[in-house]
Protein backbone atom coordinates (compact mmCIF):
# COMPACT_ATOMS: atom_id res chain seq x y z
CA UNK A 1 -54.52 -49.67 39.97
CA UNK A 2 -56.47 -47.32 42.24
CA UNK A 3 -55.52 -49.39 45.29
CA UNK A 4 -52.02 -47.89 45.33
CA UNK A 5 -53.17 -44.33 44.66
CA UNK A 6 -55.93 -42.18 46.08
CA UNK A 7 -58.93 -41.05 44.05
CA UNK A 8 -60.34 -37.57 43.57
CA UNK A 9 -63.02 -36.56 46.08
CA UNK A 10 -65.76 -35.79 43.58
CA UNK A 11 -66.63 -37.11 40.14
CA UNK A 12 -69.13 -36.33 37.39
CA UNK A 13 -70.44 -38.41 34.49
CA UNK A 14 -68.81 -37.83 31.12
CA UNK A 15 -71.89 -38.24 28.93
CA UNK A 16 -69.94 -39.11 25.78
CA UNK A 17 -68.91 -42.49 27.17
CA UNK A 18 -70.67 -42.61 30.57
CA UNK A 19 -67.32 -42.67 32.37
CA UNK A 20 -66.69 -40.79 35.59
CA UNK A 21 -64.27 -37.86 35.50
CA UNK A 22 -63.26 -35.44 38.31
CA UNK A 23 -65.74 -32.60 38.69
CA UNK A 24 -63.12 -29.94 37.94
CA UNK A 25 -62.08 -31.68 34.70
CA UNK A 26 -63.75 -31.09 31.34
CA UNK A 27 -64.38 -33.20 28.26
CA UNK A 28 -62.47 -31.88 25.27
CA UNK A 29 -61.89 -32.96 21.69
CA UNK A 30 -58.35 -33.15 20.36
CA UNK A 31 -59.07 -30.32 17.88
CA UNK A 32 -59.47 -27.89 20.80
CA UNK A 33 -56.18 -28.95 22.41
CA UNK A 34 -53.89 -28.81 19.39
CA UNK A 35 -53.81 -28.00 15.69
CA UNK A 36 -52.74 -30.90 13.48
CA UNK A 37 -50.31 -29.99 10.70
CA UNK A 38 -49.03 -32.02 7.75
CA UNK A 39 -45.38 -32.83 7.31
CA UNK A 40 -43.50 -31.83 4.17
CA UNK A 41 -41.06 -33.36 1.73
CA UNK A 42 -37.54 -33.32 3.18
CA UNK A 43 -35.37 -33.83 0.11
CA UNK A 44 -34.60 -30.17 -0.49
CA UNK A 45 -33.42 -29.72 3.12
CA UNK A 46 -31.74 -33.07 3.78
CA UNK A 47 -28.30 -32.81 5.38
CA UNK A 48 -25.65 -35.00 6.99
CA UNK A 49 -26.37 -33.41 10.37
CA UNK A 50 -28.64 -30.78 11.85
CA UNK A 51 -32.29 -31.14 12.78
CA UNK A 52 -33.90 -34.58 13.05
CA UNK A 53 -36.36 -35.62 10.32
CA UNK A 54 -39.20 -37.89 11.44
CA UNK A 55 -41.48 -40.22 9.54
CA UNK A 56 -44.06 -42.56 11.03
CA UNK A 57 -41.27 -45.07 11.70
CA UNK A 58 -39.22 -42.54 13.70
CA UNK A 59 -36.17 -40.44 12.86
CA UNK A 60 -34.40 -41.45 9.65
CA UNK A 61 -32.25 -38.50 8.54
CA UNK A 62 -31.36 -34.83 9.23
CA UNK A 63 -32.36 -31.49 7.72
CA UNK A 64 -30.57 -28.17 7.39
CA UNK A 65 -33.58 -26.30 8.82
CA UNK A 66 -36.63 -27.05 10.93
CA UNK A 67 -40.33 -27.23 10.18
CA UNK A 68 -41.39 -26.44 13.76
CA UNK A 69 -39.39 -25.33 16.78
CA UNK A 70 -41.72 -25.77 19.76
CA UNK A 71 -42.83 -28.74 21.85
CA UNK A 72 -45.00 -31.02 19.79
CA UNK A 73 -46.58 -34.46 19.64
CA UNK A 74 -46.07 -36.28 16.34
CA UNK A 75 -48.86 -38.56 15.12
CA UNK A 76 -48.48 -41.14 12.37
CA UNK A 77 -50.48 -40.57 9.18
CA UNK A 78 -49.38 -43.68 7.25
CA UNK A 79 -47.49 -46.79 8.28
CA UNK A 80 -46.81 -46.87 12.01
CA UNK A 81 -49.80 -44.93 13.32
CA UNK A 82 -50.01 -46.12 16.92
CA UNK A 83 -46.80 -44.66 18.35
CA UNK A 84 -47.09 -40.94 19.13
CA UNK A 85 -43.79 -39.16 19.73
CA UNK A 86 -43.14 -36.28 22.12
CA UNK A 87 -40.61 -33.86 20.64
CA UNK A 88 -39.10 -31.00 22.62
CA UNK A 89 -36.53 -29.58 20.19
CA UNK A 90 -36.80 -28.20 16.61
CA UNK A 91 -37.56 -30.88 13.99
CA UNK A 92 -38.85 -31.67 10.52
CA UNK A 93 -41.60 -34.18 9.67
CA UNK A 94 -42.42 -35.78 6.32
CA UNK A 95 -45.85 -36.42 4.85
CA UNK A 96 -46.30 -39.76 6.66
CA UNK A 97 -46.22 -37.98 10.02
CA UNK A 98 -48.44 -35.21 11.37
CA UNK A 99 -47.08 -32.71 13.86
CA UNK A 100 -49.17 -30.68 16.31
CA UNK A 101 -49.21 -27.08 17.41
CA UNK A 102 -50.36 -27.36 21.03
CA UNK A 103 -52.38 -24.47 22.40
CA UNK A 104 -50.68 -22.58 25.21
CA UNK A 105 -53.09 -23.48 28.00
CA UNK A 106 -52.29 -27.18 27.65
CA UNK A 107 -49.21 -29.11 28.73
CA UNK A 108 -47.48 -30.67 25.72
CA UNK A 109 -46.28 -33.65 27.73
CA UNK A 110 -49.75 -34.24 29.20
CA UNK A 111 -51.14 -34.10 25.65
CA UNK A 112 -48.59 -36.74 24.64
CA UNK A 113 -49.87 -39.09 27.34
CA UNK A 114 -53.45 -38.38 26.24
CA UNK A 115 -52.51 -39.39 22.69
CA UNK A 116 -51.19 -42.74 23.95
CA UNK A 117 -54.79 -43.60 24.89
CA UNK A 118 -56.22 -43.05 21.39
CA UNK A 119 -57.83 -46.30 20.14
CA UNK A 120 -55.77 -46.41 16.96
CA UNK A 121 -57.04 -49.83 15.86
CA UNK A 122 -60.58 -48.50 15.75
CA UNK A 123 -59.71 -45.32 13.86
CA UNK A 124 -57.21 -46.64 11.32
CA UNK A 125 -58.57 -46.96 7.80
CA UNK A 126 -59.15 -50.48 6.53
CA UNK A 127 -56.29 -50.71 4.02
CA UNK A 128 -53.11 -52.75 3.61
CA UNK A 129 -51.06 -49.73 4.76
CA UNK A 130 -52.48 -48.42 8.05
CA UNK A 131 -53.41 -44.76 7.88
CA UNK A 132 -55.09 -42.09 9.99
CA UNK A 133 -57.02 -39.01 8.93
CA UNK A 134 -56.93 -35.63 10.63
CA UNK A 135 -60.69 -35.82 11.02
CA UNK A 136 -60.58 -39.04 13.00
CA UNK A 137 -57.76 -37.75 15.19
CA UNK A 138 -59.48 -34.41 15.79
CA UNK A 139 -62.73 -36.05 16.90
CA UNK A 140 -61.11 -37.99 19.75
CA UNK A 141 -62.58 -37.02 23.12
CA UNK A 142 -60.42 -36.68 26.22
CA UNK A 143 -61.05 -35.55 29.76
CA UNK A 144 -58.61 -32.92 30.92
CA UNK A 145 -57.92 -30.78 34.03
CA UNK A 146 -58.69 -27.07 33.61
CA UNK A 147 -55.48 -26.18 35.45
CA UNK A 148 -52.30 -26.52 33.38
CA UNK A 149 -50.32 -26.96 36.61
CA UNK A 150 -52.28 -30.13 37.33
CA UNK A 151 -51.69 -31.35 33.77
CA UNK A 152 -47.96 -30.82 34.26
CA UNK A 153 -48.03 -32.63 37.60
CA UNK A 154 -49.70 -35.65 36.01
CA UNK A 155 -47.15 -35.62 33.19
CA UNK A 156 -44.25 -35.44 35.69
CA UNK A 157 -45.72 -38.35 37.64
CA UNK A 158 -46.04 -40.44 34.47
CA UNK A 159 -42.53 -39.50 33.34
CA UNK A 160 -41.15 -40.82 36.59
CA UNK A 161 -43.23 -43.99 36.75
CA UNK A 162 -42.87 -44.95 33.08
CA UNK A 163 -39.08 -44.55 33.25
CA UNK A 164 -39.04 -47.06 36.12
CA UNK A 165 -41.19 -49.50 34.18
CA UNK A 166 -39.17 -49.03 30.98
CA UNK A 167 -35.97 -49.71 32.93
CA UNK A 168 -37.39 -53.00 34.16
CA UNK A 169 -38.52 -53.92 30.66
CA UNK A 170 -35.02 -53.28 29.32
CA UNK A 171 -33.54 -55.47 32.05
CA UNK A 172 -35.87 -58.30 31.06
CA UNK A 173 -34.93 -57.87 27.40
CA UNK A 174 -31.23 -58.02 28.28
CA UNK A 175 -31.92 -61.13 30.36
CA UNK A 176 -33.58 -62.75 27.34
CA UNK A 177 -30.55 -61.99 25.17
CA UNK A 178 -28.22 -63.45 27.80
CA UNK A 179 -30.39 -66.56 28.08
CA UNK A 180 -30.31 -67.00 24.29
CA UNK A 181 -26.52 -66.66 24.25
CA UNK A 182 -26.17 -69.14 27.13
CA UNK A 183 -28.57 -71.59 25.44
CA UNK A 184 -26.56 -71.39 22.23
CA UNK A 185 -23.29 -72.00 24.08
CA UNK A 186 -24.65 -75.01 26.02
CA UNK A 187 -26.17 -76.59 22.90
CA UNK A 188 -23.04 -75.94 20.84
CA UNK A 189 -20.93 -77.63 23.50
CA UNK A 190 -23.23 -80.66 23.56
CA UNK A 191 -23.14 -81.20 19.79
CA UNK A 192 -19.39 -80.61 19.42
CA UNK A 193 -18.05 -82.08 22.68
CA UNK A 194 -20.68 -84.64 23.64
CA UNK A 195 -22.25 -85.44 27.00
CA UNK A 196 -19.15 -86.72 28.81
CA UNK A 197 -17.05 -83.80 30.12
CA UNK A 198 -14.17 -86.21 30.85
CA UNK A 199 -14.01 -87.75 27.38
CA UNK A 200 -10.47 -87.84 25.92
CA UNK A 201 -9.89 -85.45 23.02
CA UNK A 202 -7.96 -85.65 19.76
CA UNK A 203 -6.88 -83.19 17.12
CA UNK A 204 -9.59 -82.91 14.48
CA UNK A 205 -7.13 -82.47 11.64
CA UNK A 206 -8.97 -79.30 10.66
CA UNK A 207 -7.04 -76.20 11.69
CA UNK A 208 -10.02 -73.99 12.52
CA UNK A 209 -11.93 -76.76 14.28
CA UNK A 210 -9.42 -77.70 16.99
CA UNK A 211 -9.95 -80.72 19.21
CA UNK A 212 -12.89 -83.14 19.12
CA UNK A 213 -13.78 -86.17 21.28
CA UNK A 214 -11.46 -89.09 20.58
CA UNK A 215 -14.17 -91.47 19.34
CA UNK A 216 -15.92 -88.94 17.11
CA UNK A 217 -15.61 -88.57 13.34
CA UNK A 218 -14.89 -85.52 11.22
CA UNK A 219 -16.54 -85.96 7.82
CA UNK A 220 -17.90 -83.97 4.95
CA UNK A 221 -21.66 -84.15 4.61
CA UNK A 222 -21.45 -85.71 1.15
CA UNK A 223 -20.03 -88.88 2.76
CA UNK A 224 -22.96 -89.13 5.19
CA UNK A 225 -25.86 -89.04 2.75
CA UNK A 226 -27.27 -91.65 0.37
CA UNK A 227 -25.12 -92.20 -2.71
CA UNK A 228 -27.85 -91.38 -5.23
CA UNK A 229 -29.50 -87.98 -4.91
CA UNK A 230 -28.55 -87.62 -1.23
CA UNK A 231 -28.20 -83.87 -1.67
CA UNK A 232 -30.65 -82.79 -4.33
CA UNK A 233 -31.82 -79.47 -5.70
CA UNK A 234 -35.31 -79.27 -7.18
CA UNK A 235 -35.96 -79.44 -10.95
CA UNK A 236 -35.52 -76.35 -13.10
CA UNK A 237 -37.13 -74.77 -16.13
CA UNK A 238 -39.60 -76.58 -18.32
CA UNK A 239 -39.75 -79.58 -15.99
CA UNK A 240 -42.23 -77.65 -13.82
CA UNK A 241 -44.13 -75.69 -16.45
CA UNK A 242 -47.29 -77.78 -16.46
CA UNK A 243 -48.69 -77.52 -12.94
CA UNK A 244 -52.17 -78.15 -11.62
CA UNK A 245 -53.92 -75.70 -9.32
CA UNK A 246 -56.46 -78.11 -7.90
CA UNK A 247 -55.67 -80.93 -5.50
CA UNK A 248 -54.33 -84.02 -7.24
CA UNK A 249 -52.70 -85.78 -4.26
CA UNK A 250 -49.21 -84.91 -5.52
CA UNK A 251 -47.86 -81.60 -4.24
CA UNK A 252 -45.06 -79.24 -5.22
CA UNK A 253 -43.30 -78.09 -2.03
CA UNK A 254 -41.32 -74.86 -1.96
CA UNK A 255 -39.70 -72.18 0.16
CA UNK A 256 -43.06 -71.01 1.54
CA UNK A 257 -43.32 -74.42 3.22
CA UNK A 258 -39.71 -74.48 4.43
CA UNK A 259 -39.63 -70.94 5.81
CA UNK A 260 -42.97 -71.31 7.63
CA UNK A 261 -42.30 -74.95 8.61
CA UNK A 262 -45.85 -75.63 7.42
CA UNK A 263 -46.09 -78.32 4.76
CA UNK A 264 -49.87 -78.16 4.62
CA UNK A 265 -50.01 -74.80 2.83
CA UNK A 266 -49.58 -74.26 -0.90
CA UNK A 267 -51.71 -74.70 -4.01
CA UNK A 268 -49.30 -76.09 -6.61
CA UNK A 269 -49.95 -79.67 -7.67
CA UNK A 270 -48.65 -82.28 -10.11
CA UNK A 271 -50.39 -85.02 -12.01
CA UNK A 272 -49.70 -88.56 -10.86
CA UNK A 273 -47.77 -89.21 -14.08
CA UNK A 274 -45.58 -86.12 -13.63
CA UNK A 275 -44.85 -87.00 -10.00
CA UNK A 276 -43.45 -90.41 -10.94
CA UNK A 277 -41.47 -88.90 -13.80
CA UNK A 278 -39.80 -86.58 -11.24
CA UNK A 279 -39.57 -89.15 -8.44
CA UNK A 280 -35.87 -88.34 -7.89
CA UNK A 281 -37.00 -84.99 -6.45
CA UNK A 282 -39.55 -86.53 -4.07
CA UNK A 283 -39.87 -85.52 -0.44
CA UNK A 284 -40.18 -88.19 2.25
CA UNK A 285 -40.35 -88.42 6.03
CA UNK A 286 -36.84 -88.14 7.47
CA UNK A 287 -35.61 -85.80 4.73
CA UNK A 288 -34.24 -82.36 5.55
CA UNK A 289 -35.08 -79.40 3.35
CA UNK A 290 -33.74 -75.87 3.17
CA UNK A 291 -34.31 -72.94 0.89
CA UNK A 292 -31.68 -72.29 -1.74
CA UNK A 293 -32.02 -68.54 -1.14
CA UNK A 294 -32.19 -68.77 2.64
CA UNK A 295 -30.02 -69.97 5.51
CA UNK A 296 -29.45 -73.16 7.45
CA UNK A 297 -31.54 -71.61 10.21
CA UNK A 298 -34.53 -72.50 8.03
CA UNK A 299 -33.55 -76.16 7.62
CA UNK A 300 -36.58 -78.34 8.35
CA UNK A 301 -36.79 -82.01 9.23
CA UNK A 302 -39.78 -83.67 7.58
CA UNK A 303 -41.68 -85.67 10.19
CA UNK A 304 -44.83 -86.45 8.23
CA UNK A 305 -46.42 -85.32 4.98
CA UNK A 306 -50.13 -85.43 4.23
CA UNK A 307 -49.45 -85.58 0.47
CA UNK A 308 -46.81 -87.15 -1.73
CA UNK A 309 -44.79 -84.52 -3.49
CA UNK A 310 -41.55 -83.14 -4.88
CA UNK A 311 -39.38 -80.10 -4.13
CA UNK A 312 -39.25 -77.04 -6.37
CA UNK A 313 -36.18 -75.34 -7.82
CA UNK A 314 -35.71 -73.06 -4.78
CA UNK A 315 -35.40 -76.02 -2.39
CA UNK A 316 -32.54 -78.36 -1.49
CA UNK A 317 -33.29 -81.79 -0.05
CA UNK A 318 -30.86 -83.75 2.15
CA UNK A 319 -31.47 -87.51 2.48
CA UNK A 320 -29.07 -89.06 5.00
CA UNK A 321 -27.59 -92.53 5.27
CA UNK A 322 -29.14 -93.44 8.61
CA UNK A 323 -26.37 -95.95 9.29
CA UNK A 324 -23.92 -93.06 9.48
CA UNK A 325 -25.86 -90.07 10.75
CA UNK A 326 -29.20 -89.45 12.41
CA UNK A 327 -31.41 -86.96 10.59
CA UNK A 328 -32.40 -85.66 14.05
CA UNK A 329 -28.77 -84.98 14.94
CA UNK A 330 -28.10 -83.36 11.57
CA UNK A 331 -31.08 -81.04 12.04
CA UNK A 332 -29.56 -79.83 15.32
CA UNK A 333 -26.15 -79.36 13.71
CA UNK A 334 -27.62 -77.24 10.91
CA UNK A 335 -29.62 -75.11 13.31
CA UNK A 336 -27.42 -74.73 16.35
CA UNK A 337 -23.71 -74.84 15.55
CA UNK A 338 -21.60 -71.81 14.76
CA UNK A 339 -18.85 -73.80 13.04
CA UNK A 340 -21.21 -74.80 10.22
CA UNK A 341 -22.64 -71.31 9.72
CA UNK A 342 -19.07 -69.97 9.66
CA UNK A 343 -18.21 -72.39 6.85
CA UNK A 344 -21.16 -71.13 4.84
CA UNK A 345 -20.22 -67.51 5.47
CA UNK A 346 -16.66 -68.16 4.31
CA UNK A 347 -17.93 -69.91 1.20
CA UNK A 348 -20.41 -67.11 0.49
CA UNK A 349 -17.64 -64.48 0.56
CA UNK A 350 -15.75 -66.39 -2.12
CA UNK A 351 -18.77 -67.24 -4.25
CA UNK A 352 -19.91 -65.47 -7.40
CA UNK A 353 -23.50 -66.69 -7.08
CA UNK A 354 -25.59 -65.81 -4.00
CA UNK A 355 -27.48 -68.37 -1.98
CA UNK A 356 -26.95 -72.04 -1.16
CA UNK A 357 -26.26 -74.83 -3.64
CA UNK A 358 -25.63 -78.57 -3.53
CA UNK A 359 -21.85 -78.17 -3.82
CA UNK A 360 -21.72 -75.85 -0.81
CA UNK A 361 -23.86 -78.19 1.26
CA UNK A 362 -21.90 -81.29 0.17
CA UNK A 363 -18.58 -79.82 1.33
CA UNK A 364 -19.75 -78.93 4.86
CA UNK A 365 -17.44 -80.47 7.47
CA UNK A 366 -19.32 -82.09 10.36
CA UNK A 367 -18.20 -83.35 13.77
CA UNK A 368 -20.26 -86.30 15.01
CA UNK A 369 -20.13 -89.39 17.19
CA UNK A 370 -19.48 -92.62 15.31
CA UNK A 371 -22.51 -94.11 17.08
CA UNK A 372 -25.92 -93.10 15.70
CA UNK A 373 -27.40 -94.07 19.08
CA UNK A 374 -25.17 -91.50 20.79
CA UNK A 375 -26.16 -88.92 18.17
CA UNK A 376 -29.82 -89.49 19.08
CA UNK A 377 -29.04 -89.24 22.80
CA UNK A 378 -27.37 -85.87 22.19
CA UNK A 379 -30.43 -84.79 20.22
CA UNK A 380 -32.67 -85.68 23.18
CA UNK A 381 -30.37 -83.79 25.53
CA UNK A 382 -30.49 -80.73 23.27
CA UNK A 383 -34.30 -80.88 23.37
CA UNK A 384 -34.13 -80.86 27.18
CA UNK A 385 -31.79 -77.86 27.11
CA UNK A 386 -34.03 -75.98 24.67
CA UNK A 387 -37.12 -76.69 26.77
CA UNK A 388 -35.37 -75.51 29.93
CA UNK A 389 -34.31 -72.22 28.34
CA UNK A 390 -37.67 -71.83 26.62
CA UNK A 391 -39.33 -71.79 30.03
CA UNK A 392 -36.90 -69.16 31.34
CA UNK A 393 -37.30 -66.99 28.24
CA UNK A 394 -41.09 -67.36 28.34
CA UNK A 395 -41.06 -66.25 31.98
CA UNK A 396 -39.07 -63.13 31.05
CA UNK A 397 -41.40 -62.40 28.11
CA UNK A 398 -44.40 -62.74 30.40
CA UNK A 399 -42.79 -60.27 32.82
CA UNK A 400 -42.36 -57.83 29.90
CA UNK A 401 -46.02 -58.23 28.93
CA UNK A 402 -47.16 -57.60 32.49
CA UNK A 403 -44.97 -54.52 32.77
CA UNK A 404 -46.27 -53.18 29.45
CA UNK A 405 -49.85 -53.77 30.60
CA UNK A 406 -49.09 -51.96 33.85
CA UNK A 407 -47.57 -49.05 31.93
CA UNK A 408 -50.65 -48.72 29.72
CA UNK A 409 -53.03 -49.01 32.67
CA UNK A 410 -51.12 -46.43 34.71
CA UNK A 411 -51.14 -43.88 31.89
CA UNK A 412 -54.85 -44.43 31.30
CA UNK A 413 -55.68 -44.11 35.01
CA UNK A 414 -53.71 -40.88 35.37
CA UNK A 415 -55.01 -39.07 32.26
CA UNK A 416 -58.65 -40.06 32.83
CA UNK A 417 -58.71 -38.95 36.46
CA UNK A 418 -59.10 -42.37 38.03
CA UNK A 419 -56.19 -41.56 40.35
CA UNK A 420 -55.24 -38.27 42.02
CA UNK A 421 -51.52 -37.49 41.89
CA UNK A 422 -51.68 -33.77 42.72
CA UNK A 423 -49.81 -34.34 45.98
CA UNK A 424 -47.27 -36.72 44.47
CA UNK A 425 -43.59 -35.90 45.02
CA UNK A 426 -40.82 -37.75 43.21
CA UNK A 427 -39.06 -40.04 45.74
CA UNK A 428 -35.32 -40.00 46.21
CA UNK A 429 -34.18 -42.52 43.60
CA UNK A 430 -31.25 -43.61 45.76
CA UNK A 431 -33.65 -44.64 48.53
CA UNK A 432 -36.29 -46.29 46.36
CA UNK A 433 -36.19 -49.93 45.42
CA UNK A 434 -37.87 -49.84 42.04
CA UNK A 435 -38.32 -53.59 41.74
CA UNK A 436 -39.90 -54.03 45.16
CA UNK A 437 -42.24 -51.09 44.64
CA UNK A 438 -43.54 -52.40 41.33
CA UNK A 439 -44.06 -55.91 42.64
CA UNK A 440 -46.12 -54.82 45.67
């Protein structure tokens, strides 16, 4: 970091942590920079518009009056504790968010950047809901320039540089969204139009579906599964009352397995006798499962199970006729095609009961090649497409991580005196290539 920026001429040792700080800077606890104040209940002042009301998760409503009307840094007390907020205009805070009264000889914006360096993980109390105490916040040590003008200069420098970095981060995030949309479109085309762009088309016979490849079939799912228990919901009521909670070799699989795609977890077991009594609800390799209360996006293809078992009442099992449809191809259809999710959405709007059921699943209309071999080839092609886009998305995510690391390092270097920006002047934005500068 210091390679791009000059250092101060003279440093001294900060005895609290043995770090070097500029000789004209001083160590200072937070309590001597600002006074921490508690937020207050907002219900008596809540309004449709007016002054923003902040909790530890950010702004969530408005108030008819303000609690404080000067520059301030808000610090989380409970919940989200590691995201200080700089506030310039009048505001109200609730009891999950502290606000600060910053003493006049300190720059509020510089204090904000100081607060971004607080080691929140170390100071947060060890509870399920993260929380911070005033005492822990007040005891944080910083190094700070005596001259408020220098504090302001550092804050201006960081404002400029962090905006550039944040702009690049947003561009990468937009790129990721575009890549996801493109991936979805390419996969959807493959599973509804096939791999041959010149294949002749025919009318599907389904008004909302349009044309499909000439040699493909349009069938309801119920005609593509095994005749007996091809689409099966788990047993209800008293059938599952007597469970074991020690390993028996016969497991009860449920939505925790389906949602996490981890069929090793869980502690509900059946006796051998009970398993064979409920064998119609068994789960085997090649089956697909989905949660009755979830979405097709959580459909899972069972590759291998370490224990024999059955599904519970919140799970639906699909067991295909592999002479008609590949379970691999069906898994892609359930996950990646809009026309199926649109059918479910339409059915949900007209349904009295929420969630999925066997009737809804049975009536799904699918488009598929008559050849199971071609279905499997399309599945392999979809895997290639997903891998290709995964690499591109991973590259963009890595760029975001590097930019975030750079942002954190730059703030730390500036507010601890590792770099000297007193002579810094904001460049003309029209003449500065932000991307090239950051990549140097």
